[in-house]
Amino acid sequence: MANKGLRDPTAEFSPRAVVGLEDLTDKANTPEEALAYRLRRFDTQFLSETPGTVCGHPSSTVTYAGRDEPHGLITVRVVCAKFGGRLYAAMAATMSTRPDDPTYLADQQAILDGFAVVYAGKD
């Protein structure tokens, strides 16, 4: 999802949000191990890292500089949980070349704070 109203004409980039889900069952034994594994896989230096919980599951919110053009800041909330005998990493990411824009910051906060992980299946 991209906000074209906040488009950076110099970088030709609109702020965006992306979500992902990764099965880490074969990579870790616990949600905490899965979280540590997933964070290592970013293979970058974090500008900030804030541990937490989301819906009772271990999480971390990290910010780092994007490597690809256009260079901006990326903030990702990673939540790891075990559901139905499988370990998952759920991620919500926001990115912008103008990360100090007040509208972007408010939108980012709403997206990350609203990110929830709920299992609808049966264990």
PDB file of N, CA and C in Angstrom:
ATOM      1  N   MET A   1       0.847  -1.138   0.000  1.00  0.00           N
ATOM      2  CA  MET A   1       0.000   0.000   0.000  1.00  0.00           C
ATOM      3  C   MET A   1       0.915   1.230   0.000  1.00  0.00           C
ATOM      4  N   ALA A   2       0.657   2.183  -0.865  1.00  0.00           N
ATOM      5  CA  ALA A   2       1.486   3.387  -0.966  1.00  0.00           C
ATOM      6  C   ALA A   2       0.613   4.623  -0.835  1.00  0.00           C
ATOM      7  N   ASN A   3       1.169   5.659  -0.226  1.00  0.00           N
ATOM      8  CA  ASN A   3       0.473   6.936  -0.089  1.00  0.00           C
ATOM      9  C   ASN A   3       1.048   7.897  -1.126  1.00  0.00           C
ATOM     10  N   LYS A   4       0.387   8.003  -2.270  1.00  0.00           N
ATOM     11  CA  LYS A   4       0.886   8.859  -3.346  1.00  0.00           C
ATOM     12  C   LYS A   4       0.770  10.338  -3.001  1.00  0.00           C
ATOM     13  N   GLY A   5      -0.067  10.681  -2.023  1.00  0.00           N
ATOM     14  CA  GLY A   5      -0.187  12.062  -1.582  1.00  0.00           C
ATOM     15  C   GLY A   5       1.071  12.570  -0.895  1.00  0.00           C
ATOM     16  N   LEU A   6       1.923  11.654  -0.414  1.00  0.00           N
ATOM     17  CA  LEU A   6       3.178  12.024   0.240  1.00  0.00           C
ATOM     18  C   LEU A   6       4.380  11.731  -0.653  1.00  0.00           C
ATOM     19  N   ARG A   7       4.142  11.594  -1.939  1.00  0.00           N
ATOM     20  CA  ARG A   7       5.208  11.249  -2.891  1.00  0.00           C
ATOM     21  C   ARG A   7       6.359  12.245  -2.811  1.00  0.00           C
ATOM     22  N   ASP A   8       7.573  11.702  -2.797  1.00  0.00           N
ATOM     23  CA  ASP A   8       8.795  12.502  -2.820  1.00  0.00           C
ATOM     24  C   ASP A   8       9.188  12.653  -4.292  1.00  0.00           C
ATOM     25  N   PRO A   9       8.955  13.835  -4.884  1.00  0.00           N
ATOM     26  CA  PRO A   9       9.215  13.985  -6.317  1.00  0.00           C
ATOM     27  C   PRO A   9      10.697  13.880  -6.671  1.00  0.00           C
ATOM     28  N   THR A  10      11.571  14.242  -5.767  1.00  0.00           N
ATOM     29  CA  THR A  10      13.004  14.151  -6.036  1.00  0.00           C
ATOM     30  C   THR A  10      13.437  12.690  -6.157  1.00  0.00           C
ATOM     31  N   ALA A  11      12.986  11.872  -5.232  1.00  0.00           N
ATOM     32  CA  ALA A  11      13.354  10.457  -5.234  1.00  0.00           C
ATOM     33  C   ALA A  11      12.397   9.613  -6.069  1.00  0.00           C
ATOM     34  N   GLU A  12      11.290  10.220  -6.505  1.00  0.00           N
ATOM     35  CA  GLU A  12      10.247   9.491  -7.235  1.00  0.00           C
ATOM     36  C   GLU A  12       9.805   8.261  -6.450  1.00  0.00           C
ATOM     37  N   PHE A  13       9.435   8.511  -5.183  1.00  0.00           N
ATOM     38  CA  PHE A  13       9.091   7.418  -4.267  1.00  0.00           C
ATOM     39  C   PHE A  13       7.936   7.847  -3.394  1.00  0.00           C
ATOM     40  N   SER A  14       6.966   6.966  -3.233  1.00  0.00           N
ATOM     41  CA  SER A  14       5.847   7.194  -2.320  1.00  0.00           C
ATOM     42  C   SER A  14       6.032   6.324  -1.090  1.00  0.00           C
ATOM     43  N   PRO A  15       5.756   6.859   0.100  1.00  0.00           N
ATOM     44  CA  PRO A  15       5.833   6.030   1.310  1.00  0.00           C
ATOM     45  C   PRO A  15       4.918   4.821   1.152  1.00  0.00           C
ATOM     46  N   ARG A  16       5.332   3.711   1.739  1.00  0.00           N
ATOM     47  CA  ARG A  16       4.528   2.510   1.591  1.00  0.00           C
ATOM     48  C   ARG A  16       4.569   1.642   2.831  1.00  0.00           C
ATOM     49  N   ALA A  17       3.625   0.723   2.868  1.00  0.00           N
ATOM     50  CA  ALA A  17       3.561  -0.284   3.926  1.00  0.00           C
ATOM     51  C   ALA A  17       3.465  -1.650   3.255  1.00  0.00           C
ATOM     52  N   VAL A  18       4.156  -2.608   3.845  1.00  0.00           N
ATOM     53  CA  VAL A  18       4.194  -3.964   3.304  1.00  0.00           C
ATOM     54  C   VAL A  18       4.056  -4.932   4.471  1.00  0.00           C
ATOM     55  N   VAL A  19       3.317  -6.015   4.272  1.00  0.00           N
ATOM     56  CA  VAL A  19       3.221  -7.055   5.298  1.00  0.00           C
ATOM     57  C   VAL A  19       3.718  -8.370   4.720  1.00  0.00           C
ATOM     58  N   GLY A  20       4.225  -9.222   5.597  1.00  0.00           N
ATOM     59  CA  GLY A  20       4.717 -10.519   5.153  1.00  0.00           C
ATOM     60  C   GLY A  20       4.569 -11.562   6.235  1.00  0.00           C
ATOM     61  N   LEU A  21       4.578 -12.810   5.821  1.00  0.00           N
ATOM     62  CA  LEU A  21       4.498 -13.936   6.744  1.00  0.00           C
ATOM     63  C   LEU A  21       5.511 -14.970   6.289  1.00  0.00           C
ATOM     64  N   GLU A  22       6.329 -15.435   7.220  1.00  0.00           N
ATOM     65  CA  GLU A  22       7.380 -16.398   6.893  1.00  0.00           C
ATOM     66  C   GLU A  22       7.308 -17.581   7.851  1.00  0.00           C
ATOM     67  N   ASP A  23       7.340 -18.784   7.308  1.00  0.00           N
ATOM     68  CA  ASP A  23       7.345 -20.004   8.117  1.00  0.00           C
ATOM     69  C   ASP A  23       8.791 -20.293   8.525  1.00  0.00           C
ATOM     70  N   LEU A  24       9.045 -20.278   9.831  1.00  0.00           N
ATOM     71  CA  LEU A  24      10.396 -20.512  10.350  1.00  0.00           C
ATOM     72  C   LEU A  24      10.492 -21.817  11.140  1.00  0.00           C
ATOM     73  N   THR A  25       9.566 -22.723  10.905  1.00  0.00           N
ATOM     74  CA  THR A  25       9.511 -23.972  11.659  1.00  0.00           C
ATOM     75  C   THR A  25      10.826 -24.736  11.614  1.00  0.00           C
ATOM     76  N   ASP A  26      11.473 -24.779  10.464  1.00  0.00           N
ATOM     77  CA  ASP A  26      12.728 -25.529  10.328  1.00  0.00           C
ATOM     78  C   ASP A  26      13.954 -24.730  10.752  1.00  0.00           C
ATOM     79  N   LYS A  27      13.752 -23.487  11.204  1.00  0.00           N
ATOM     80  CA  LYS A  27      14.876 -22.619  11.550  1.00  0.00           C
ATOM     81  C   LYS A  27      15.016 -22.364  13.054  1.00  0.00           C
ATOM     82  N   ALA A  28      13.957 -22.658  13.820  1.00  0.00           N
ATOM     83  CA  ALA A  28      13.978 -22.339  15.257  1.00  0.00           C
ATOM     84  C   ALA A  28      13.017 -23.269  15.996  1.00  0.00           C
ATOM     85  N   ASN A  29      13.183 -23.311  17.329  1.00  0.00           N
ATOM     86  CA  ASN A  29      12.334 -24.165  18.157  1.00  0.00           C
ATOM     87  C   ASN A  29      11.306 -23.390  18.973  1.00  0.00           C
ATOM     88  N   THR A  30      11.571 -22.115  19.209  1.00  0.00           N
ATOM     89  CA  THR A  30      10.670 -21.297  20.025  1.00  0.00           C
ATOM     90  C   THR A  30      10.426 -19.970  19.304  1.00  0.00           C
ATOM     91  N   PRO A  31       9.368 -19.257  19.682  1.00  0.00           N
ATOM     92  CA  PRO A  31       9.146 -17.939  19.087  1.00  0.00           C
ATOM     93  C   PRO A  31      10.321 -16.980  19.329  1.00  0.00           C
ATOM     94  N   GLU A  32      10.949 -17.073  20.492  1.00  0.00           N
ATOM     95  CA  GLU A  32      12.091 -16.205  20.791  1.00  0.00           C
ATOM     96  C   GLU A  32      13.273 -16.508  19.870  1.00  0.00           C
ATOM     97  N   GLU A  33      13.532 -17.798  19.639  1.00  0.00           N
ATOM     98  CA  GLU A  33      14.597 -18.174  18.706  1.00  0.00           C
ATOM     99  C   GLU A  33      14.258 -17.741  17.280  1.00  0.00           C
ATOM    100  N   ALA A  34      12.998 -17.867  16.906  1.00  0.00           N
ATOM    101  CA  ALA A  34      12.560 -17.459  15.567  1.00  0.00           C
ATOM    102  C   ALA A  34      12.747 -15.955  15.377  1.00  0.00           C
ATOM    103  N   LEU A  35      12.441 -15.188  16.420  1.00  0.00           N
ATOM    104  CA  LEU A  35      12.610 -13.740  16.340  1.00  0.00           C
ATOM    105  C   LEU A  35      14.085 -13.381  16.163  1.00  0.00           C
ATOM    106  N   ALA A  36      14.949 -13.997  16.951  1.00  0.00           N
ATOM    107  CA  ALA A  36      16.386 -13.724  16.836  1.00  0.00           C
ATOM    108  C   ALA A  36      16.890 -14.108  15.441  1.00  0.00           C
ATOM    109  N   TYR A  37      16.439 -15.247  14.940  1.00  0.00           N
ATOM    110  CA  TYR A  37      16.841 -15.699  13.607  1.00  0.00           C
ATOM    111  C   TYR A  37      16.390 -14.698  12.540  1.00  0.00           C
ATOM    112  N   ARG A  38      15.129 -14.280  12.626  1.00  0.00           N
ATOM    113  CA  ARG A  38      14.588 -13.365  11.607  1.00  0.00           C
ATOM    114  C   ARG A  38      15.307 -12.021  11.622  1.00  0.00           C
ATOM    115  N   LEU A  39      15.611 -11.516  12.804  1.00  0.00           N
ATOM    116  CA  LEU A  39      16.314 -10.232  12.903  1.00  0.00           C
ATOM    117  C   LEU A  39      17.718 -10.335  12.308  1.00  0.00           C
ATOM    118  N   ARG A  40      18.400 -11.459  12.542  1.00  0.00           N
ATOM    119  CA  ARG A  40      19.735 -11.655  11.944  1.00  0.00           C
ATOM    120  C   ARG A  40      19.667 -11.655  10.419  1.00  0.00           C
ATOM    121  N   ARG A  41      18.585 -12.163   9.872  1.00  0.00           N
ATOM    122  CA  ARG A  41      18.460 -12.273   8.418  1.00  0.00           C
ATOM    123  C   ARG A  41      18.305 -10.923   7.721  1.00  0.00           C
ATOM    124  N   PHE A  42      18.008  -9.870   8.453  1.00  0.00           N
ATOM    125  CA  PHE A  42      17.980  -8.544   7.828  1.00  0.00           C
ATOM    126  C   PHE A  42      19.378  -8.167   7.350  1.00  0.00           C
ATOM    127  N   ASP A  43      20.393  -8.699   8.007  1.00  0.00           N
ATOM    128  CA  ASP A  43      21.786  -8.492   7.603  1.00  0.00           C
ATOM    129  C   ASP A  43      22.107  -7.011   7.376  1.00  0.00           C
ATOM    130  N   THR A  44      21.758  -6.215   8.372  1.00  0.00           N
ATOM    131  CA  THR A  44      22.038  -4.785   8.312  1.00  0.00           C
ATOM    132  C   THR A  44      22.220  -4.263   9.729  1.00  0.00           C
ATOM    133  N   GLN A  45      22.761  -3.083   9.838  1.00  0.00           N
ATOM    134  CA  GLN A  45      22.908  -2.461  11.148  1.00  0.00           C
ATOM    135  C   GLN A  45      21.642  -1.656  11.441  1.00  0.00           C
ATOM    136  N   PHE A  46      21.026  -1.951  12.577  1.00  0.00           N
ATOM    137  CA  PHE A  46      19.806  -1.244  12.955  1.00  0.00           C
ATOM    138  C   PHE A  46      20.144   0.110  13.550  1.00  0.00           C
ATOM    139  N   LEU A  47      19.381   1.110  13.166  1.00  0.00           N
ATOM    140  CA  LEU A  47      19.510   2.431  13.767  1.00  0.00           C
ATOM    141  C   LEU A  47      18.800   2.451  15.110  1.00  0.00           C
ATOM    142  N   SER A  48      17.760   1.629  15.222  1.00  0.00           N
ATOM    143  CA  SER A  48      17.068   1.453  16.502  1.00  0.00           C
ATOM    144  C   SER A  48      16.461   0.061  16.536  1.00  0.00           C
ATOM    145  N   GLU A  49      16.316  -0.460  17.758  1.00  0.00           N
ATOM    146  CA  GLU A  49      15.695  -1.767  17.964  1.00  0.00           C
ATOM    147  C   GLU A  49      14.964  -1.729  19.295  1.00  0.00           C
ATOM    148  N   THR A  50      13.656  -1.995  19.242  1.00  0.00           N
ATOM    149  CA  THR A  50      12.829  -1.941  20.441  1.00  0.00           C
ATOM    150  C   THR A  50      12.094  -3.268  20.611  1.00  0.00           C
ATOM    151  N   PRO A  51      12.466  -4.043  21.635  1.00  0.00           N
ATOM    152  CA  PRO A  51      11.759  -5.298  21.880  1.00  0.00           C
ATOM    153  C   PRO A  51      10.378  -5.022  22.466  1.00  0.00           C
ATOM    154  N   GLY A  52       9.474  -5.977  22.282  1.00  0.00           N
ATOM    155  CA  GLY A  52       8.135  -5.825  22.836  1.00  0.00           C
ATOM    156  C   GLY A  52       7.345  -7.101  22.688  1.00  0.00           C
ATOM    157  N   THR A  53       6.041  -6.979  22.832  1.00  0.00           N
ATOM    158  CA  THR A  53       5.123  -8.079  22.586  1.00  0.00           C
ATOM    159  C   THR A  53       3.944  -7.544  21.783  1.00  0.00           C
ATOM    160  N   VAL A  54       3.394  -8.403  20.963  1.00  0.00           N
ATOM    161  CA  VAL A  54       2.189  -8.097  20.194  1.00  0.00           C
ATOM    162  C   VAL A  54       1.251  -9.277  20.377  1.00  0.00           C
ATOM    163  N   CYS A  55       0.089  -9.028  20.908  1.00  0.00           N
ATOM    164  CA  CYS A  55      -0.900 -10.084  21.151  1.00  0.00           C
ATOM    165  C   CYS A  55      -0.297 -11.219  21.979  1.00  0.00           C
ATOM    166  N   GLY A  56       0.609 -10.881  22.900  1.00  0.00           N
ATOM    167  CA  GLY A  56       1.237 -11.857  23.777  1.00  0.00           C
ATOM    168  C   GLY A  56       2.429 -12.590  23.181  1.00  0.00           C
ATOM    169  N   HIS A  57       2.830 -12.228  21.971  1.00  0.00           N
ATOM    170  CA  HIS A  57       3.942 -12.889  21.284  1.00  0.00           C
ATOM    171  C   HIS A  57       5.162 -11.977  21.257  1.00  0.00           C
ATOM    172  N   PRO A  58       6.371 -12.545  21.310  1.00  0.00           N
ATOM    173  CA  PRO A  58       7.575 -11.714  21.281  1.00  0.00           C
ATOM    174  C   PRO A  58       7.680 -10.954  19.955  1.00  0.00           C
ATOM    175  N   SER A  59       8.122  -9.701  20.068  1.00  0.00           N
ATOM    176  CA  SER A  59       8.257  -8.868  18.876  1.00  0.00           C
ATOM    177  C   SER A  59       9.465  -7.956  19.021  1.00  0.00           C
ATOM    178  N   SER A  60       9.824  -7.364  17.907  1.00  0.00           N
ATOM    179  CA  SER A  60      10.856  -6.335  17.903  1.00  0.00           C
ATOM    180  C   SER A  60      10.534  -5.384  16.768  1.00  0.00           C
ATOM    181  N   THR A  61      10.726  -4.108  17.034  1.00  0.00           N
ATOM    182  CA  THR A  61      10.538  -3.087  16.007  1.00  0.00           C
ATOM    183  C   THR A  61      11.909  -2.507  15.719  1.00  0.00           C
ATOM    184  N   VAL A  62      12.329  -2.595  14.461  1.00  0.00           N
ATOM    185  CA  VAL A  62      13.662  -2.146  14.064  1.00  0.00           C
ATOM    186  C   VAL A  62      13.552  -1.115  12.955  1.00  0.00           C
ATOM    187  N   THR A  63      14.514  -0.202  12.948  1.00  0.00           N
ATOM    188  CA  THR A  63      14.609   0.797  11.882  1.00  0.00           C
ATOM    189  C   THR A  63      16.011   0.721  11.305  1.00  0.00           C
ATOM    190  N   TYR A  64      16.088   0.780   9.983  1.00  0.00           N
ATOM    191  CA  TYR A  64      17.389   0.754   9.316  1.00  0.00           C
ATOM    192  C   TYR A  64      17.302   1.543   8.013  1.00  0.00           C
ATOM    193  N   ALA A  65      18.475   1.906   7.505  1.00  0.00           N
ATOM    194  CA  ALA A  65      18.552   2.648   6.248  1.00  0.00           C
ATOM    195  C   ALA A  65      18.427   1.674   5.091  1.00  0.00           C
ATOM    196  N   GLY A  66      17.591   2.042   4.126  1.00  0.00           N
ATOM    197  CA  GLY A  66      17.438   1.208   2.941  1.00  0.00           C
ATOM    198  C   GLY A  66      18.717   1.176   2.120  1.00  0.00           C
ATOM    199  N   ARG A  67      18.998   0.032   1.531  1.00  0.00           N
ATOM    200  CA  ARG A  67      20.216  -0.123   0.728  1.00  0.00           C
ATOM    201  C   ARG A  67      19.987   0.205  -0.740  1.00  0.00           C
ATOM    202  N   ASP A  68      18.775  -0.007  -1.204  1.00  0.00           N
ATOM    203  CA  ASP A  68      18.472   0.215  -2.605  1.00  0.00           C
ATOM    204  C   ASP A  68      17.990   1.641  -2.830  1.00  0.00           C
ATOM    205  N   GLU A  69      18.082   2.099  -4.054  1.00  0.00           N
ATOM    206  CA  GLU A  69      17.568   3.423  -4.405  1.00  0.00           C
ATOM    207  C   GLU A  69      16.052   3.368  -4.384  1.00  0.00           C
ATOM    208  N   PRO A  70      15.340   4.356  -3.942  1.00  0.00           N
ATOM    209  CA  PRO A  70      15.912   5.514  -3.252  1.00  0.00           C
ATOM    210  C   PRO A  70      16.206   5.163  -1.800  1.00  0.00           C
ATOM    211  N   HIS A  71      17.253   5.751  -1.281  1.00  0.00           N
ATOM    212  CA  HIS A  71      17.636   5.492   0.109  1.00  0.00           C
ATOM    213  C   HIS A  71      16.679   6.213   1.040  1.00  0.00           C
ATOM    214  N   GLY A  72      16.077   5.477   1.903  1.00  0.00           N
ATOM    215  CA  GLY A  72      15.163   6.026   2.898  1.00  0.00           C
ATOM    216  C   GLY A  72      15.287   5.202   4.157  1.00  0.00           C
ATOM    217  N   LEU A  73      14.364   5.413   5.072  1.00  0.00           N
ATOM    218  CA  LEU A  73      14.350   4.621   6.302  1.00  0.00           C
ATOM    219  C   LEU A  73      13.232   3.597   6.228  1.00  0.00           C
ATOM    220  N   ILE A  74      13.527   2.417   6.731  1.00  0.00           N
ATOM    221  CA  ILE A  74      12.567   1.320   6.787  1.00  0.00           C
ATOM    222  C   ILE A  74      12.384   0.951   8.252  1.00  0.00           C
ATOM    223  N   THR A  75      11.148   0.864   8.677  1.00  0.00           N
ATOM    224  CA  THR A  75      10.834   0.412  10.030  1.00  0.00           C
ATOM    225  C   THR A  75       9.985  -0.842   9.900  1.00  0.00           C
ATOM    226  N   VAL A  76      10.385  -1.892  10.615  1.00  0.00           N
ATOM    227  CA  VAL A  76       9.700  -3.183  10.539  1.00  0.00           C
ATOM    228  C   VAL A  76       9.354  -3.650  11.943  1.00  0.00           C
ATOM    229  N   ARG A  77       8.119  -4.069  12.120  1.00  0.00           N
ATOM    230  CA  ARG A  77       7.729  -4.753  13.353  1.00  0.00           C
ATOM    231  C   ARG A  77       7.640  -6.237  13.018  1.00  0.00           C
ATOM    232  N   VAL A  78       8.435  -7.047  13.716  1.00  0.00           N
ATOM    233  CA  VAL A  78       8.472  -8.496  13.520  1.00  0.00           C
ATOM    234  C   VAL A  78       7.855  -9.143  14.752  1.00  0.00           C
ATOM    235  N   VAL A  79       6.901 -10.036  14.532  1.00  0.00           N
ATOM    236  CA  VAL A  79       6.247 -10.768  15.614  1.00  0.00           C
ATOM    237  C   VAL A  79       6.391 -12.250  15.307  1.00  0.00           C
ATOM    238  N   CYS A  80       6.860 -13.033  16.283  1.00  0.00           N
ATOM    239  CA  CYS A  80       7.016 -14.472  16.070  1.00  0.00           C
ATOM    240  C   CYS A  80       6.093 -15.230  17.005  1.00  0.00           C
ATOM    241  N   ALA A  81       5.428 -16.242  16.433  1.00  0.00           N
ATOM    242  CA  ALA A  81       4.468 -17.014  17.213  1.00  0.00           C
ATOM    243  C   ALA A  81       4.404 -18.443  16.695  1.00  0.00           C
ATOM    244  N   LYS A  82       3.966 -19.328  17.584  1.00  0.00           N
ATOM    245  CA  LYS A  82       3.768 -20.727  17.220  1.00  0.00           C
ATOM    246  C   LYS A  82       2.271 -20.986  17.143  1.00  0.00           C
ATOM    247  N   PHE A  83       1.842 -21.445  15.974  1.00  0.00           N
ATOM    248  CA  PHE A  83       0.430 -21.755  15.740  1.00  0.00           C
ATOM    249  C   PHE A  83       0.343 -23.086  15.018  1.00  0.00           C
ATOM    250  N   GLY A  84      -0.533 -23.969  15.495  1.00  0.00           N
ATOM    251  CA  GLY A  84      -0.742 -25.233  14.808  1.00  0.00           C
ATOM    252  C   GLY A  84       0.526 -26.043  14.639  1.00  0.00           C
ATOM    253  N   GLY A  85       1.446 -25.940  15.602  1.00  0.00           N
ATOM    254  CA  GLY A  85       2.690 -26.686  15.537  1.00  0.00           C
ATOM    255  C   GLY A  85       3.738 -26.090  14.613  1.00  0.00           C
ATOM    256  N   ARG A  86       3.497 -24.906  14.084  1.00  0.00           N
ATOM    257  CA  ARG A  86       4.442 -24.245  13.179  1.00  0.00           C
ATOM    258  C   ARG A  86       4.857 -22.904  13.781  1.00  0.00           C
ATOM    259  N   LEU A  87       6.086 -22.472  13.466  1.00  0.00           N
ATOM    260  CA  LEU A  87       6.602 -21.180  13.920  1.00  0.00           C
ATOM    261  C   LEU A  87       6.566 -20.193  12.762  1.00  0.00           C
ATOM    262  N   TYR A  88       6.013 -19.023  13.029  1.00  0.00           N
ATOM    263  CA  TYR A  88       5.891 -18.004  11.990  1.00  0.00           C
ATOM    264  C   TYR A  88       6.492 -16.680  12.445  1.00  0.00           C
ATOM    265  N   ALA A  89       6.985 -15.926  11.457  1.00  0.00           N
ATOM    266  CA  ALA A  89       7.353 -14.523  11.659  1.00  0.00           C
ATOM    267  C   ALA A  89       6.388 -13.707  10.814  1.00  0.00           C
ATOM    268  N   ALA A  90       5.626 -12.855  11.468  1.00  0.00           N
ATOM    269  CA  ALA A  90       4.730 -11.925  10.775  1.00  0.00           C
ATOM    270  C   ALA A  90       5.387 -10.555  10.833  1.00  0.00           C
ATOM    271  N   MET A  91       5.386  -9.853   9.708  1.00  0.00           N
ATOM    272  CA  MET A  91       6.090  -8.569   9.637  1.00  0.00           C
ATOM    273  C   MET A  91       5.221  -7.497   9.007  1.00  0.00           C
ATOM    274  N   ALA A  92       5.299  -6.311   9.568  1.00  0.00           N
ATOM    275  CA  ALA A  92       4.689  -5.119   8.970  1.00  0.00           C
ATOM    276  C   ALA A  92       5.807  -4.094   8.825  1.00  0.00           C
ATOM    277  N   ALA A  93       5.986  -3.597   7.615  1.00  0.00           N
ATOM    278  CA  ALA A  93       7.076  -2.653   7.346  1.00  0.00           C
ATOM    279  C   ALA A  93       6.521  -1.364   6.760  1.00  0.00           C
ATOM    280  N   THR A  94       7.148  -0.262   7.138  1.00  0.00           N
ATOM    281  CA  THR A  94       6.845   1.034   6.536  1.00  0.00           C
ATOM    282  C   THR A  94       8.155   1.614   6.030  1.00  0.00           C
ATOM    283  N   MET A  95       8.076   2.360   4.932  1.00  0.00           N
ATOM    284  CA  MET A  95       9.298   2.946   4.381  1.00  0.00           C
ATOM    285  C   MET A  95       8.985   4.284   3.722  1.00  0.00           C
ATOM    286  N   SER A  96       9.967   5.194   3.856  1.00  0.00           N
ATOM    287  CA  SER A  96       9.811   6.524   3.285  1.00  0.00           C
ATOM    288  C   SER A  96      11.180   7.168   3.085  1.00  0.00           C
ATOM    289  N   THR A  97      11.266   8.018   2.054  1.00  0.00           N
ATOM    290  CA  THR A  97      12.475   8.821   1.866  1.00  0.00           C
ATOM    291  C   THR A  97      12.389  10.112   2.664  1.00  0.00           C
ATOM    292  N   ARG A  98      11.201  10.393   3.211  1.00  0.00           N
ATOM    293  CA  ARG A  98      11.011  11.559   4.093  1.00  0.00           C
ATOM    294  C   ARG A  98      10.401  11.079   5.409  1.00  0.00           C
ATOM    295  N   PRO A  99      11.178  10.347   6.206  1.00  0.00           N
ATOM    296  CA  PRO A  99      10.640   9.702   7.408  1.00  0.00           C
ATOM    297  C   PRO A  99      10.266  10.659   8.535  1.00  0.00           C
ATOM    298  N   ASP A 100      10.583  11.951   8.395  1.00  0.00           N
ATOM    299  CA  ASP A 100      10.209  12.924   9.426  1.00  0.00           C
ATOM    300  C   ASP A 100       8.922  13.657   9.101  1.00  0.00           C
ATOM    301  N   ASP A 101       8.296  13.356   7.971  1.00  0.00           N
ATOM    302  CA  ASP A 101       7.045  14.001   7.587  1.00  0.00           C
ATOM    303  C   ASP A 101       5.972  13.676   8.635  1.00  0.00           C
ATOM    304  N   PRO A 102       5.300  14.681   9.196  1.00  0.00           N
ATOM    305  CA  PRO A 102       4.326  14.425  10.268  1.00  0.00           C
ATOM    306  C   PRO A 102       3.188  13.491   9.861  1.00  0.00           C
ATOM    307  N   THR A 103       2.707  13.614   8.634  1.00  0.00           N
ATOM    308  CA  THR A 103       1.627  12.729   8.181  1.00  0.00           C
ATOM    309  C   THR A 103       2.130  11.300   8.078  1.00  0.00           C
ATOM    310  N   TYR A 104       3.333  11.128   7.518  1.00  0.00           N
ATOM    311  CA  TYR A 104       3.920   9.791   7.426  1.00  0.00           C
ATOM    312  C   TYR A 104       4.100   9.192   8.819  1.00  0.00           C
ATOM    313  N   LEU A 105       4.621   9.966   9.754  1.00  0.00           N
ATOM    314  CA  LEU A 105       4.847   9.458  11.111  1.00  0.00           C
ATOM    315  C   LEU A 105       3.538   9.017  11.769  1.00  0.00           C
ATOM    316  N   ALA A 106       2.472   9.796  11.574  1.00  0.00           N
ATOM    317  CA  ALA A 106       1.172   9.426  12.144  1.00  0.00           C
ATOM    318  C   ALA A 106       0.642   8.152  11.487  1.00  0.00           C
ATOM    319  N   ASP A 107       0.771   8.062  10.160  1.00  0.00           N
ATOM    320  CA  ASP A 107       0.324   6.864   9.453  1.00  0.00           C
ATOM    321  C   ASP A 107       1.139   5.647   9.883  1.00  0.00           C
ATOM    322  N   GLN A 108       2.447   5.823   9.988  1.00  0.00           N
ATOM    323  CA  GLN A 108       3.326   4.732  10.408  1.00  0.00           C
ATOM    324  C   GLN A 108       2.929   4.229  11.788  1.00  0.00           C
ATOM    325  N   GLN A 109       2.702   5.140  12.708  1.00  0.00           N
ATOM    326  CA  GLN A 109       2.316   4.775  14.075  1.00  0.00           C
ATOM    327  C   GLN A 109       1.016   3.974  14.074  1.00  0.00           C
ATOM    328  N   ALA A 110       0.033   4.429  13.286  1.00  0.00           N
ATOM    329  CA  ALA A 110      -1.259   3.736  13.222  1.00  0.00           C
ATOM    330  C   ALA A 110      -1.097   2.328  12.644  1.00  0.00           C
ATOM    331  N   ILE A 111      -0.277   2.197  11.612  1.00  0.00           N
ATOM    332  CA  ILE A 111      -0.073   0.889  10.982  1.00  0.00           C
ATOM    333  C   ILE A 111       0.630  -0.066  11.938  1.00  0.00           C
ATOM    334  N   LEU A 112       1.728   0.372  12.525  1.00  0.00           N
ATOM    335  CA  LEU A 112       2.490  -0.520  13.403  1.00  0.00           C
ATOM    336  C   LEU A 112       1.740  -0.828  14.694  1.00  0.00           C
ATOM    337  N   ASP A 113       1.078   0.176  15.272  1.00  0.00           N
ATOM    338  CA  ASP A 113       0.324  -0.074  16.501  1.00  0.00           C
ATOM    339  C   ASP A 113      -0.901  -0.951  16.248  1.00  0.00           C
ATOM    340  N   GLY A 114      -1.437  -0.894  15.046  1.00  0.00           N
ATOM    341  CA  GLY A 114      -2.606  -1.696  14.713  1.00  0.00           C
ATOM    342  C   GLY A 114      -2.282  -3.106  14.240  1.00  0.00           C
ATOM    343  N   PHE A 115      -1.007  -3.409  14.080  1.00  0.00           N
ATOM    344  CA  PHE A 115      -0.601  -4.731  13.586  1.00  0.00           C
ATOM    345  C   PHE A 115      -0.869  -5.775  14.656  1.00  0.00           C
ATOM    346  N   ALA A 116      -1.658  -6.780  14.304  1.00  0.00           N
ATOM    347  CA  ALA A 116      -2.023  -7.824  15.248  1.00  0.00           C
ATOM    348  C   ALA A 116      -1.761  -9.189  14.617  1.00  0.00           C
ATOM    349  N   VAL A 117      -1.519 -10.176  15.469  1.00  0.00           N
ATOM    350  CA  VAL A 117      -1.267 -11.538  15.018  1.00  0.00           C
ATOM    351  C   VAL A 117      -2.279 -12.434  15.756  1.00  0.00           C
ATOM    352  N   VAL A 118      -3.193 -13.018  14.993  1.00  0.00           N
ATOM    353  CA  VAL A 118      -4.242 -13.845  15.560  1.00  0.00           C
ATOM    354  C   VAL A 118      -4.340 -15.144  14.759  1.00  0.00           C
ATOM    355  N   TYR A 119      -4.386 -16.253  15.451  1.00  0.00           N
ATOM    356  CA  TYR A 119      -4.483 -17.556  14.801  1.00  0.00           C
ATOM    357  C   TYR A 119      -5.950 -17.964  14.719  1.00  0.00           C
ATOM    358  N   ALA A 120      -6.416 -18.224  13.527  1.00  0.00           N
ATOM    359  CA  ALA A 120      -7.830 -18.580  13.332  1.00  0.00           C
ATOM    360  C   ALA A 120      -8.041 -20.086  13.226  1.00  0.00           C
ATOM    361  N   GLY A 121      -6.970 -20.860  13.255  1.00  0.00           N
ATOM    362  CA  GLY A 121      -7.083 -22.309  13.107  1.00  0.00           C
ATOM    363  C   GLY A 121      -7.228 -23.012  14.438  1.00  0.00           C
ATOM    364  N   LYS A 122      -7.078 -24.324  14.373  1.00  0.00           N
ATOM    365  CA  LYS A 122      -7.151 -25.163  15.577  1.00  0.00           C
ATOM    366  C   LYS A 122      -5.783 -25.765  15.837  1.00  0.00           C
ATOM    367  N   ASP A 123      -5.360 -25.782  17.112  1.00  0.00           N
ATOM    368  CA  ASP A 123      -4.093 -26.445  17.465  1.00  0.00           C
ATOM    369  C   ASP A 123      -4.287 -27.931  17.584  1.00  0.00           C
TER     370      ASP A 123
END
